[in-house]
Amino acid sequence: MAFVVGFVLLILTFAFNMWVAIAGFALMFGSALIVYHYLRRMGRDQMRVEGTGRLSITAALARFAERMRRPRGAD
């Protein structure tokens, strides 16, 4: 959600206020880094469907959502 808000800030305010546009870009960049961090942490093996060995976006997103719900330190 933060990525979308950053994108809207970047696009809508670029012509009027450069600082707000830069803040929008920073918000987009930061949220993308957070998602990258958690996806990398999950690892490629956890994104595979058990039994088939194939990669599954649905399985990856389900595990990502599960990690986001857990309190810190419960890993």
N, C-alpha and C. Protein backbone atom coordinates (compact mmCIF):
# COMPACT_ATOMS: atom_id res chain seq x y z
N MET A 1 0.82 -1.18 0.00
CA MET A 1 0.00 0.00 0.00
C MET A 1 0.87 1.25 0.00
N ALA A 2 1.97 1.21 0.75
CA ALA A 2 2.86 2.37 0.81
C ALA A 2 3.48 2.64 -0.56
N PHE A 3 3.74 1.58 -1.33
CA PHE A 3 4.31 1.75 -2.66
C PHE A 3 3.35 2.53 -3.55
N VAL A 4 2.07 2.20 -3.50
CA VAL A 4 1.06 2.88 -4.32
C VAL A 4 0.93 4.34 -3.90
N VAL A 5 0.92 4.60 -2.60
CA VAL A 5 0.84 5.99 -2.11
C VAL A 5 2.06 6.78 -2.58
N GLY A 6 3.24 6.19 -2.49
CA GLY A 6 4.45 6.85 -2.98
C GLY A 6 4.39 7.13 -4.47
N PHE A 7 3.87 6.18 -5.22
CA PHE A 7 3.75 6.36 -6.67
C PHE A 7 2.80 7.51 -7.00
N VAL A 8 1.68 7.56 -6.31
CA VAL A 8 0.71 8.65 -6.54
C VAL A 8 1.33 9.99 -6.18
N LEU A 9 2.04 10.06 -5.05
CA LEU A 9 2.71 11.30 -4.68
C LEU A 9 3.72 11.71 -5.73
N LEU A 10 4.46 10.77 -6.23
CA LEU A 10 5.48 11.06 -7.24
C LEU A 10 4.85 11.59 -8.51
N ILE A 11 3.84 10.94 -9.02
CA ILE A 11 3.23 11.33 -10.29
C ILE A 11 2.44 12.63 -10.18
N LEU A 12 1.63 12.76 -9.14
CA LEU A 12 0.75 13.92 -9.05
C LEU A 12 1.46 15.21 -8.63
N THR A 13 2.53 15.10 -7.88
CA THR A 13 3.16 16.32 -7.37
C THR A 13 4.47 16.67 -8.05
N PHE A 14 4.91 15.89 -9.00
CA PHE A 14 6.21 16.13 -9.64
C PHE A 14 6.29 17.51 -10.27
N ALA A 15 5.24 17.95 -10.93
CA ALA A 15 5.26 19.24 -11.63
C ALA A 15 5.11 20.42 -10.67
N PHE A 16 4.55 20.19 -9.49
CA PHE A 16 4.26 21.29 -8.58
C PHE A 16 5.27 21.44 -7.45
N ASN A 17 5.66 20.34 -6.86
CA ASN A 17 6.54 20.40 -5.71
C ASN A 17 7.53 19.24 -5.77
N MET A 18 8.78 19.57 -6.07
CA MET A 18 9.80 18.55 -6.24
C MET A 18 10.07 17.80 -4.94
N TRP A 19 10.00 18.46 -3.79
CA TRP A 19 10.30 17.80 -2.52
C TRP A 19 9.25 16.74 -2.16
N VAL A 20 8.01 17.01 -2.44
CA VAL A 20 6.97 16.02 -2.17
C VAL A 20 7.14 14.83 -3.12
N ALA A 21 7.52 15.11 -4.36
CA ALA A 21 7.77 14.03 -5.32
C ALA A 21 8.95 13.17 -4.87
N ILE A 22 9.98 13.81 -4.35
CA ILE A 22 11.14 13.06 -3.84
C ILE A 22 10.74 12.22 -2.64
N ALA A 23 9.89 12.77 -1.77
CA ALA A 23 9.40 12.00 -0.62
C ALA A 23 8.57 10.81 -1.10
N GLY A 24 7.78 10.99 -2.15
CA GLY A 24 7.00 9.89 -2.71
C GLY A 24 7.90 8.80 -3.26
N PHE A 25 8.97 9.21 -3.94
CA PHE A 25 9.93 8.22 -4.45
C PHE A 25 10.60 7.48 -3.31
N ALA A 26 10.98 8.20 -2.25
CA ALA A 26 11.62 7.56 -1.10
C ALA A 26 10.67 6.56 -0.44
N LEU A 27 9.40 6.90 -0.36
CA LEU A 27 8.40 5.99 0.20
C LEU A 27 8.27 4.73 -0.66
N MET A 28 8.24 4.91 -1.97
CA MET A 28 8.18 3.76 -2.88
C MET A 28 9.42 2.89 -2.72
N PHE A 29 10.57 3.51 -2.69
CA PHE A 29 11.83 2.78 -2.60
C PHE A 29 11.92 2.02 -1.28
N GLY A 30 11.56 2.68 -0.19
CA GLY A 30 11.60 2.04 1.12
C GLY A 30 10.66 0.85 1.22
N SER A 31 9.44 1.00 0.70
CA SER A 31 8.49 -0.11 0.77
C SER A 31 8.94 -1.27 -0.11
N ALA A 32 9.54 -0.96 -1.25
CA ALA A 32 10.06 -2.03 -2.12
C ALA A 32 11.20 -2.77 -1.43
N LEU A 33 12.05 -2.06 -0.72
CA LEU A 33 13.15 -2.72 0.00
C LEU A 33 12.63 -3.61 1.12
N ILE A 34 11.58 -3.18 1.79
CA ILE A 34 11.00 -4.00 2.86
C ILE A 34 10.43 -5.29 2.30
N VAL A 35 9.69 -5.20 1.20
CA VAL A 35 9.13 -6.40 0.57
C VAL A 35 10.25 -7.32 0.08
N TYR A 36 11.29 -6.74 -0.52
CA TYR A 36 12.44 -7.52 -0.99
C TYR A 36 13.10 -8.25 0.19
N HIS A 37 13.27 -7.55 1.29
CA HIS A 37 13.89 -8.15 2.48
C HIS A 37 13.12 -9.37 2.95
N TYR A 38 11.80 -9.26 3.06
CA TYR A 38 11.00 -10.38 3.55
C TYR A 38 10.93 -11.52 2.53
N LEU A 39 10.87 -11.20 1.25
CA LEU A 39 10.86 -12.27 0.25
C LEU A 39 12.19 -13.01 0.24
N ARG A 40 13.27 -12.29 0.37
CA ARG A 40 14.59 -12.92 0.39
C ARG A 40 14.74 -13.77 1.65
N ARG A 41 14.20 -13.28 2.75
CA ARG A 41 14.29 -14.01 4.01
C ARG A 41 13.52 -15.32 3.95
N MET A 42 12.40 -15.31 3.24
CA MET A 42 11.61 -16.54 3.12
C MET A 42 12.41 -17.61 2.40
N GLY A 43 13.18 -17.21 1.44
CA GLY A 43 13.99 -18.17 0.72
C GLY A 43 13.22 -18.86 -0.39
N ARG A 44 13.95 -19.32 -1.33
CA ARG A 44 13.37 -19.94 -2.51
C ARG A 44 12.69 -21.27 -2.18
N ASP A 45 13.22 -21.99 -1.22
CA ASP A 45 12.64 -23.30 -0.87
C ASP A 45 11.25 -23.18 -0.28
N GLN A 46 11.00 -22.11 0.45
CA GLN A 46 9.68 -21.95 1.06
C GLN A 46 8.63 -21.54 0.05
N MET A 47 9.04 -21.06 -1.12
CA MET A 47 8.08 -20.65 -2.13
C MET A 47 7.66 -21.82 -3.03
N ARG A 48 8.24 -22.96 -2.82
CA ARG A 48 7.91 -24.13 -3.63
C ARG A 48 6.69 -24.85 -3.05
N VAL A 49 5.87 -25.38 -3.93
CA VAL A 49 4.73 -26.18 -3.51
C VAL A 49 5.26 -27.53 -3.07
N GLU A 50 4.84 -27.97 -1.90
CA GLU A 50 5.32 -29.26 -1.39
C GLU A 50 4.89 -30.40 -2.30
N GLY A 51 5.82 -31.29 -2.56
CA GLY A 51 5.51 -32.45 -3.38
C GLY A 51 5.82 -32.26 -4.85
N THR A 52 5.54 -31.07 -5.40
CA THR A 52 5.76 -30.87 -6.83
C THR A 52 7.12 -30.27 -7.12
N GLY A 53 7.63 -29.44 -6.19
CA GLY A 53 8.91 -28.79 -6.41
C GLY A 53 8.83 -27.56 -7.30
N ARG A 54 7.61 -27.22 -7.74
CA ARG A 54 7.45 -26.05 -8.61
C ARG A 54 7.27 -24.79 -7.76
N LEU A 55 7.69 -23.64 -8.35
CA LEU A 55 7.51 -22.37 -7.67
C LEU A 55 6.05 -21.96 -7.73
N SER A 56 5.55 -21.39 -6.65
CA SER A 56 4.16 -20.97 -6.59
C SER A 56 4.09 -19.57 -5.98
N ILE A 57 3.57 -18.62 -6.72
CA ILE A 57 3.39 -17.27 -6.21
C ILE A 57 2.37 -17.27 -5.08
N THR A 58 1.34 -18.05 -5.20
CA THR A 58 0.31 -18.12 -4.16
C THR A 58 0.90 -18.61 -2.85
N ALA A 59 1.73 -19.64 -2.91
CA ALA A 59 2.37 -20.16 -1.71
C ALA A 59 3.30 -19.13 -1.11
N ALA A 60 4.02 -18.42 -1.94
CA ALA A 60 4.94 -17.39 -1.47
C ALA A 60 4.19 -16.26 -0.77
N LEU A 61 3.10 -15.80 -1.36
CA LEU A 61 2.32 -14.72 -0.76
C LEU A 61 1.65 -15.17 0.55
N ALA A 62 1.21 -16.42 0.61
CA ALA A 62 0.60 -16.92 1.84
C ALA A 62 1.63 -16.97 2.96
N ARG A 63 2.83 -17.42 2.67
CA ARG A 63 3.87 -17.46 3.70
C ARG A 63 4.30 -16.05 4.10
N PHE A 64 4.35 -15.13 3.14
CA PHE A 64 4.69 -13.74 3.44
C PHE A 64 3.66 -13.13 4.38
N ALA A 65 2.39 -13.36 4.12
CA ALA A 65 1.32 -12.85 4.98
C ALA A 65 1.41 -13.46 6.37
N GLU A 66 1.75 -14.74 6.44
CA GLU A 66 1.90 -15.41 7.73
C GLU A 66 3.04 -14.79 8.54
N ARG A 67 4.14 -14.49 7.89
CA ARG A 67 5.28 -13.86 8.58
C ARG A 67 4.94 -12.46 9.06
N MET A 68 4.15 -11.74 8.31
CA MET A 68 3.79 -10.37 8.69
C MET A 68 2.87 -10.38 9.92
N ARG A 69 2.09 -11.43 10.10
CA ARG A 69 1.18 -11.52 11.24
C ARG A 69 1.88 -11.94 12.52
N ARG A 70 3.00 -12.66 12.40
CA ARG A 70 3.72 -13.12 13.58
C ARG A 70 4.43 -11.96 14.27
N PRO A 71 4.48 -11.98 15.59
CA PRO A 71 5.24 -10.94 16.30
C PRO A 71 6.75 -11.14 16.08
N ARG A 72 7.48 -10.07 16.19
CA ARG A 72 8.94 -10.14 16.01
C ARG A 72 9.54 -11.08 17.04
N GLY A 73 10.53 -11.85 16.61
CA GLY A 73 11.21 -12.76 17.51
C GLY A 73 10.55 -14.11 17.64
N ALA A 74 9.42 -14.32 16.96
CA ALA A 74 8.73 -15.60 17.06
C ALA A 74 9.21 -16.58 16.01
N ASP A 75 10.21 -16.20 15.22
CA ASP A 75 10.72 -17.06 14.15
C ASP A 75 11.37 -18.24 14.72
